[in-house]
Amino acid sequence: MVARHGKREIPTSQTPDDYGRRWSSNGSRLRLWKLELQMLADETGLAIAVSHFPPGTSKWNKIEHRLFSFISKNWRGKPLTSLQVIVSLIAGTTTRKGLKVHAEIDDRSYPAGIKVPDEDMDLINLLRDTFHGEWNYEILPRK
């Protein structure tokens, strides 16, 4: 996804926060996700700032609520008959203020139950924030 969409948006800056990019996930304990972010940081040379919502608070994610309300308006009254129809309706969502949603079907298979060993987790260059470092941290490039 970054190869297709992110590179043209990344300025010469070395940190994602310099251009307003923060990654978020609801699972602060997902080991494979952290490992994959480390590989992305290594590949791009960027520090990736991550902020998780505390457990039980994802309902307060204003971005999700704002986005999904427009998606719901866009597909209101239309039969959701297939995955292709659903993704097309999501991708066709726009707002007067310039929101354009990108959506595509990802038909790759992702094996379940991948275990990330402690040794690999120890190699993640993770800098915890002083405020709830378990939810807020940066993954820095290892190079």
Protein backbone atom coordinates (compact mmCIF):
# COMPACT_ATOMS: atom_id res chain seq x y z
CA MET A 1 0.00 0.00 0.00
CA VAL A 2 2.77 2.46 0.86
CA ALA A 3 4.52 1.61 -2.40
CA ARG A 4 1.38 2.61 -4.32
CA HIS A 5 0.05 5.50 -2.25
CA GLY A 6 2.43 6.65 0.46
CA LYS A 7 5.70 7.45 -1.29
CA ARG A 8 4.31 10.36 -3.26
CA GLU A 9 2.95 11.82 -0.01
CA ILE A 10 6.17 11.44 1.99
CA PRO A 11 8.31 14.57 1.84
CA THR A 12 12.05 14.56 2.45
CA SER A 13 11.31 14.74 6.19
CA GLN A 14 12.57 11.90 8.33
CA THR A 15 9.61 11.51 10.69
CA PRO A 16 5.96 10.76 9.90
CA ASP A 17 4.74 13.37 12.39
CA ASP A 18 6.32 16.10 10.26
CA TYR A 19 3.59 15.51 7.69
CA GLY A 20 0.79 14.46 10.01
CA ARG A 21 1.01 10.71 9.52
CA ARG A 22 0.36 8.54 12.56
CA TRP A 23 -0.49 4.86 12.43
CA SER A 24 -3.16 3.46 14.65
CA SER A 25 -4.36 0.01 15.50
CA ASN A 26 -6.73 -1.30 18.09
CA GLY A 27 -4.38 -4.08 19.18
CA SER A 28 -1.39 -2.83 21.13
CA ARG A 29 -0.19 -6.41 21.74
CA LEU A 30 -0.12 -7.62 18.12
CA ARG A 31 3.42 -8.90 17.69
CA LEU A 32 3.37 -9.57 13.95
CA TRP A 33 1.99 -6.06 13.29
CA LYS A 34 4.88 -4.49 15.22
CA LEU A 35 7.40 -6.64 13.36
CA GLU A 36 5.92 -5.65 9.99
CA LEU A 37 6.03 -1.96 11.01
CA GLN A 38 9.70 -2.43 11.88
CA MET A 39 10.34 -3.79 8.39
CA LEU A 40 8.47 -0.78 6.91
CA ALA A 41 10.54 1.63 9.02
CA ASP A 42 13.73 -0.09 7.88
CA GLU A 43 12.64 0.01 4.23
CA THR A 44 11.58 3.68 4.21
CA GLY A 45 14.08 5.05 6.72
CA LEU A 46 11.21 6.71 8.59
CA ALA A 47 10.32 6.62 12.26
CA ILE A 48 6.74 5.41 12.58
CA ALA A 49 4.73 6.91 15.43
CA VAL A 50 1.98 4.63 16.72
CA SER A 51 -0.94 5.58 18.95
CA HIS A 52 -3.43 2.97 20.12
CA PHE A 53 -6.77 3.65 21.71
CA PRO A 54 -6.87 2.23 25.23
CA PRO A 55 -8.86 -1.02 25.53
CA GLY A 56 -12.61 -0.45 25.32
CA THR A 57 -12.41 3.03 23.81
CA SER A 58 -12.32 2.44 20.03
CA LYS A 59 -15.92 3.65 19.92
CA TRP A 60 -14.51 7.14 20.52
CA ASN A 61 -12.38 7.09 17.35
CA LYS A 62 -13.70 10.24 15.65
CA ILE A 63 -11.97 9.47 12.37
CA GLU A 64 -13.74 6.12 12.06
CA HIS A 65 -17.10 7.65 12.92
CA ARG A 66 -16.67 10.51 10.45
CA LEU A 67 -15.54 8.21 7.64
CA PHE A 68 -18.14 5.51 8.19
CA SER A 69 -20.98 8.00 8.33
CA PHE A 70 -20.15 9.12 4.78
CA ILE A 71 -19.74 5.52 3.59
CA SER A 72 -23.14 4.68 5.10
CA LYS A 73 -24.73 7.66 3.34
CA ASN A 74 -23.14 6.63 0.06
CA TRP A 75 -24.51 3.08 0.10
CA ARG A 76 -27.86 3.88 1.70
CA GLY A 77 -30.69 2.13 -0.14
CA LYS A 78 -28.35 0.16 -2.38
CA PRO A 79 -28.33 -3.64 -2.19
CA LEU A 80 -24.98 -4.93 -0.94
CA THR A 81 -25.02 -8.01 -3.15
CA SER A 82 -21.31 -8.82 -3.41
CA LEU A 83 -17.90 -7.89 -2.10
CA GLN A 84 -17.19 -6.04 -5.37
CA VAL A 85 -20.34 -3.91 -4.97
CA ILE A 86 -19.46 -3.09 -1.36
CA VAL A 87 -15.87 -2.13 -2.17
CA SER A 88 -16.99 -0.05 -5.17
CA LEU A 89 -19.47 1.86 -3.02
CA ILE A 90 -16.83 2.47 -0.35
CA ALA A 91 -14.33 3.63 -3.00
CA GLY A 92 -16.93 5.98 -4.46
CA THR A 93 -17.35 7.85 -1.18
CA THR A 94 -16.47 11.56 -1.32
CA THR A 95 -17.35 14.68 0.62
CA ARG A 96 -17.70 18.36 -0.25
CA LYS A 97 -14.56 19.07 1.77
CA GLY A 98 -12.46 16.80 -0.44
CA LEU A 99 -12.45 13.40 1.25
CA LYS A 100 -11.82 10.67 -1.33
CA VAL A 101 -11.82 7.09 -0.11
CA HIS A 102 -9.53 4.51 -1.66
CA ALA A 103 -10.70 0.91 -1.36
CA GLU A 104 -9.73 -2.24 -3.18
CA ILE A 105 -10.20 -5.95 -2.74
CA ASP A 106 -7.18 -7.68 -1.28
CA ASP A 107 -7.46 -11.27 -2.41
CA ARG A 108 -4.12 -12.40 -1.04
CA SER A 109 -4.20 -15.12 1.58
CA TYR A 110 -2.86 -14.41 5.04
CA PRO A 111 -1.97 -17.44 7.11
CA ALA A 112 -3.40 -17.48 10.60
CA GLY A 113 -1.45 -18.30 13.73
CA ILE A 114 1.95 -16.89 12.74
CA LYS A 115 4.07 -16.81 15.87
CA VAL A 116 6.71 -14.11 16.31
CA PRO A 117 9.51 -15.37 18.55
CA ASP A 118 10.74 -13.29 21.49
CA GLU A 119 14.13 -12.98 19.76
CA ASP A 120 12.49 -11.14 16.82
CA MET A 121 10.53 -8.89 19.20
CA ASP A 122 13.77 -7.99 21.00
CA LEU A 123 15.17 -6.65 17.68
CA ILE A 124 12.33 -4.15 17.19
CA ASN A 125 13.71 -0.63 17.66
CA LEU A 126 10.81 0.62 19.75
CA LEU A 127 10.90 3.92 21.65
CA ARG A 128 8.08 4.12 24.19
CA ASP A 129 6.41 7.45 24.95
CA THR A 130 6.52 8.67 28.55
CA PHE A 131 2.71 8.78 28.56
CA HIS A 132 1.37 5.22 28.40
CA GLY A 133 4.25 3.77 26.42
CA GLU A 134 2.30 0.54 25.99
CA TRP A 135 -0.14 2.45 23.73
CA ASN A 136 2.07 5.25 22.34
CA TYR A 137 5.47 4.59 20.83
CA GLU A 138 7.72 5.03 17.80
CA ILE A 139 9.31 2.29 15.76
CA LEU A 140 12.62 3.61 14.49
CA PRO A 141 14.63 2.35 11.52
CA ARG A 142 17.43 0.00 12.52
CA LYS A 143 19.84 1.33 9.87
